[in-house]
């Protein structure tokens, strides 16, 4: 599954470049397309900032890495101080 995602991530810039070349030959992209693209970039940036804010660890917390104990894998976790 990861290989498929990486493949699509490789194709996205190529597809955007091809779309830009196609529309540039016809006088450039329409203002609607530019506004939609700018809106998509703003939504992406806001989503990234929200994800960073929600997934960060408390500065006073301690991360306990995963370990193998008595033949069992104990997953990593975060403990609050």
N, C-alpha and C. Protein backbone atom coordinates (compact mmCIF):
# COMPACT_ATOMS: atom_id res chain seq x y z
N UNK A 1 0.83 -1.20 0.00
CA UNK A 1 0.00 0.00 0.00
C UNK A 1 0.87 1.25 0.00
N UNK A 2 1.97 1.22 0.78
CA UNK A 2 2.85 2.38 0.84
C UNK A 2 3.46 2.69 -0.52
N UNK A 3 3.79 1.64 -1.27
CA UNK A 3 4.36 1.84 -2.60
C UNK A 3 3.38 2.55 -3.52
N UNK A 4 2.10 2.23 -3.40
CA UNK A 4 1.08 2.86 -4.22
C UNK A 4 0.95 4.35 -3.86
N UNK A 5 1.00 4.65 -2.58
CA UNK A 5 0.92 6.05 -2.14
C UNK A 5 2.13 6.83 -2.66
N UNK A 6 3.31 6.24 -2.55
CA UNK A 6 4.52 6.91 -3.05
C UNK A 6 4.43 7.13 -4.55
N UNK A 7 3.87 6.17 -5.27
CA UNK A 7 3.71 6.30 -6.71
C UNK A 7 2.80 7.48 -7.05
N UNK A 8 1.68 7.61 -6.33
CA UNK A 8 0.77 8.73 -6.59
C UNK A 8 1.41 10.06 -6.18
N UNK A 9 2.19 10.06 -5.11
CA UNK A 9 2.88 11.29 -4.72
C UNK A 9 3.90 11.70 -5.78
N UNK A 10 4.46 10.74 -6.48
CA UNK A 10 5.36 11.04 -7.59
C UNK A 10 4.59 11.61 -8.78
N UNK A 11 3.40 11.08 -9.01
CA UNK A 11 2.63 11.50 -10.19
C UNK A 11 1.97 12.87 -10.03
N UNK A 12 1.69 13.29 -8.81
CA UNK A 12 0.98 14.56 -8.60
C UNK A 12 1.73 15.74 -9.22
N UNK A 13 3.03 15.96 -8.92
CA UNK A 13 3.70 17.11 -9.54
C UNK A 13 3.78 16.99 -11.06
N UNK A 14 3.92 15.77 -11.57
CA UNK A 14 3.98 15.59 -13.02
C UNK A 14 2.64 15.95 -13.64
N UNK A 15 1.55 15.54 -13.01
CA UNK A 15 0.22 15.86 -13.54
C UNK A 15 -0.05 17.36 -13.47
N UNK A 16 0.37 18.01 -12.38
CA UNK A 16 0.18 19.46 -12.26
C UNK A 16 0.97 20.18 -13.33
N UNK A 17 2.21 19.75 -13.57
CA UNK A 17 3.03 20.37 -14.62
C UNK A 17 2.40 20.18 -15.99
N UNK A 18 1.89 18.97 -16.27
CA UNK A 18 1.26 18.71 -17.56
C UNK A 18 0.00 19.57 -17.73
N UNK A 19 -0.77 19.70 -16.66
CA UNK A 19 -1.97 20.54 -16.71
C UNK A 19 -1.60 22.00 -16.95
N UNK A 20 -0.53 22.46 -16.30
CA UNK A 20 -0.09 23.84 -16.49
C UNK A 20 0.38 24.06 -17.92
N UNK A 21 1.13 23.09 -18.49
CA UNK A 21 1.59 23.23 -19.87
C UNK A 21 0.41 23.25 -20.84
N UNK A 22 -0.60 22.44 -20.55
CA UNK A 22 -1.77 22.39 -21.42
C UNK A 22 -2.54 23.70 -21.37
N UNK A 23 -2.71 24.26 -20.17
CA UNK A 23 -3.48 25.51 -20.07
C UNK A 23 -2.65 26.71 -20.50
N UNK A 24 -1.33 26.65 -20.37
CA UNK A 24 -0.49 27.78 -20.79
C UNK A 24 -0.55 27.95 -22.30
N UNK A 25 -0.71 26.85 -23.01
CA UNK A 25 -0.81 26.94 -24.47
C UNK A 25 -2.10 27.62 -24.90
N UNK A 26 -3.10 27.64 -24.02
CA UNK A 26 -4.38 28.25 -24.35
C UNK A 26 -4.57 29.60 -23.66
N UNK A 27 -3.50 30.23 -23.24
CA UNK A 27 -3.61 31.55 -22.63
C UNK A 27 -3.51 31.54 -21.11
N UNK A 28 -3.18 30.42 -20.55
CA UNK A 28 -3.01 30.35 -19.10
C UNK A 28 -4.26 29.86 -18.40
N UNK A 29 -4.10 29.51 -17.14
CA UNK A 29 -5.26 29.01 -16.39
C UNK A 29 -6.26 30.13 -16.12
N UNK A 30 -7.49 29.77 -15.96
CA UNK A 30 -8.53 30.76 -15.71
C UNK A 30 -8.39 31.30 -14.28
N UNK A 31 -8.92 32.49 -14.03
CA UNK A 31 -8.88 33.02 -12.66
C UNK A 31 -9.57 32.11 -11.66
N UNK A 32 -10.62 31.42 -12.10
CA UNK A 32 -11.30 30.47 -11.22
C UNK A 32 -10.37 29.35 -10.78
N UNK A 33 -9.56 28.83 -11.72
CA UNK A 33 -8.62 27.76 -11.39
C UNK A 33 -7.54 28.26 -10.45
N UNK A 34 -7.09 29.49 -10.65
CA UNK A 34 -6.07 30.06 -9.76
C UNK A 34 -6.62 30.24 -8.34
N UNK A 35 -7.85 30.71 -8.24
CA UNK A 35 -8.47 30.90 -6.92
C UNK A 35 -8.68 29.54 -6.25
N UNK A 36 -9.12 28.54 -7.02
CA UNK A 36 -9.31 27.20 -6.46
C UNK A 36 -7.98 26.61 -5.99
N UNK A 37 -6.93 26.82 -6.75
CA UNK A 37 -5.61 26.33 -6.35
C UNK A 37 -5.11 27.02 -5.10
N UNK A 38 -5.30 28.34 -5.03
CA UNK A 38 -4.87 29.09 -3.84
C UNK A 38 -5.69 28.65 -2.62
N UNK A 39 -6.97 28.41 -2.82
CA UNK A 39 -7.81 27.93 -1.72
C UNK A 39 -7.36 26.55 -1.24
N UNK A 40 -6.98 25.69 -2.16
CA UNK A 40 -6.51 24.36 -1.79
C UNK A 40 -5.21 24.45 -0.98
N UNK A 41 -4.33 25.36 -1.37
CA UNK A 41 -3.08 25.55 -0.63
C UNK A 41 -3.37 26.07 0.78
N UNK A 42 -4.32 27.00 0.91
CA UNK A 42 -4.67 27.54 2.23
C UNK A 42 -5.27 26.43 3.11
N UNK A 43 -6.17 25.62 2.54
CA UNK A 43 -6.77 24.52 3.31
C UNK A 43 -5.69 23.52 3.73
N UNK A 44 -4.77 23.22 2.84
CA UNK A 44 -3.68 22.30 3.17
C UNK A 44 -2.83 22.85 4.30
N UNK A 45 -2.48 24.12 4.24
CA UNK A 45 -1.67 24.74 5.30
C UNK A 45 -2.41 24.75 6.63
N UNK A 46 -3.70 25.06 6.61
CA UNK A 46 -4.48 25.06 7.85
C UNK A 46 -4.58 23.64 8.43
N UNK A 47 -4.76 22.65 7.57
CA UNK A 47 -4.83 21.26 8.03
C UNK A 47 -3.51 20.83 8.66
N UNK A 48 -2.42 21.22 8.05
CA UNK A 48 -1.10 20.88 8.59
C UNK A 48 -0.88 21.53 9.95
N UNK A 49 -1.23 22.78 10.08
CA UNK A 49 -1.08 23.47 11.36
C UNK A 49 -1.97 22.83 12.43
N UNK A 50 -3.19 22.45 12.08
CA UNK A 50 -4.08 21.80 13.03
C UNK A 50 -3.50 20.46 13.46
N UNK A 51 -2.98 19.69 12.52
CA UNK A 51 -2.40 18.39 12.84
C UNK A 51 -1.20 18.54 13.75
N UNK A 52 -0.34 19.49 13.47
CA UNK A 52 0.84 19.73 14.32
C UNK A 52 0.40 20.10 15.72
N UNK A 53 -0.60 20.94 15.83
CA UNK A 53 -1.07 21.40 17.14
C UNK A 53 -1.69 20.26 17.95
N UNK A 54 -2.44 19.38 17.27
CA UNK A 54 -3.14 18.31 17.97
C UNK A 54 -2.23 17.13 18.31
N UNK A 55 -1.21 16.87 17.52
CA UNK A 55 -0.40 15.68 17.71
C UNK A 55 0.89 15.92 18.49
N UNK A 56 1.14 17.11 18.94
CA UNK A 56 2.38 17.34 19.66
C UNK A 56 2.29 16.78 21.08
N UNK A 57 3.45 16.48 21.60
CA UNK A 57 3.54 15.89 22.94
C UNK A 57 3.75 17.01 23.96
N UNK A 58 3.18 16.84 25.14
CA UNK A 58 3.37 17.80 26.22
C UNK A 58 4.86 17.91 26.55
N UNK A 59 5.40 19.12 26.67
CA UNK A 59 6.84 19.28 26.93
C UNK A 59 7.31 18.61 28.22
N UNK A 60 6.43 18.44 29.18
CA UNK A 60 6.85 17.81 30.44
C UNK A 60 6.69 16.29 30.41
N UNK A 61 6.13 15.74 29.36
CA UNK A 61 5.89 14.30 29.27
C UNK A 61 7.18 13.57 28.90
N UNK A 62 7.20 12.29 29.19
CA UNK A 62 8.35 11.45 28.88
C UNK A 62 7.92 10.36 27.92
N UNK A 63 8.73 10.15 26.88
CA UNK A 63 8.44 9.10 25.91
C UNK A 63 9.17 7.83 26.33
N UNK A 64 8.44 6.74 26.44
CA UNK A 64 9.00 5.44 26.77
C UNK A 64 9.02 4.63 25.47
N UNK A 65 10.20 4.30 24.94
CA UNK A 65 10.25 3.57 23.67
C UNK A 65 9.76 2.14 23.82
N UNK A 66 9.40 1.50 22.70
CA UNK A 66 8.96 0.10 22.77
C UNK A 66 10.11 -0.79 23.23
N UNK A 67 9.78 -1.88 23.91
CA UNK A 67 10.82 -2.80 24.36
C UNK A 67 10.31 -4.23 24.32
N UNK A 68 11.25 -5.14 24.28
CA UNK A 68 10.94 -6.55 24.28
C UNK A 68 11.19 -7.07 25.69
N UNK A 69 10.13 -7.57 26.32
CA UNK A 69 10.24 -8.03 27.70
C UNK A 69 9.57 -9.40 27.81
N UNK A 70 10.34 -10.40 28.21
CA UNK A 70 9.85 -11.77 28.36
C UNK A 70 9.21 -12.29 27.07
N UNK A 71 9.80 -11.95 25.94
CA UNK A 71 9.30 -12.42 24.66
C UNK A 71 8.07 -11.68 24.16
N UNK A 72 7.63 -10.67 24.87
CA UNK A 72 6.47 -9.87 24.44
C UNK A 72 6.93 -8.47 24.09
N UNK A 73 6.34 -7.92 23.07
CA UNK A 73 6.64 -6.55 22.67
C UNK A 73 5.73 -5.60 23.41
N UNK A 74 6.33 -4.70 24.18
CA UNK A 74 5.57 -3.69 24.92
C UNK A 74 5.66 -2.41 24.07
N UNK A 75 4.51 -1.90 23.59
CA UNK A 75 4.55 -0.73 22.71
C UNK A 75 5.04 0.51 23.43
N UNK A 76 5.59 1.43 22.64
CA UNK A 76 6.01 2.71 23.19
C UNK A 76 4.82 3.53 23.62
N UNK A 77 5.04 4.40 24.60
CA UNK A 77 3.94 5.24 25.07
C UNK A 77 4.51 6.49 25.72
N UNK A 78 3.63 7.40 26.04
CA UNK A 78 4.00 8.67 26.65
C UNK A 78 3.43 8.70 28.06
N UNK A 79 4.26 9.07 29.01
CA UNK A 79 3.79 9.21 30.40
C UNK A 79 3.88 10.66 30.81
N UNK A 80 2.87 11.14 31.49
CA UNK A 80 2.87 12.52 31.99
C UNK A 80 3.61 12.57 33.30
N UNK A 81 4.30 13.66 33.52
CA UNK A 81 5.03 13.82 34.79
C UNK A 81 4.15 14.42 35.83
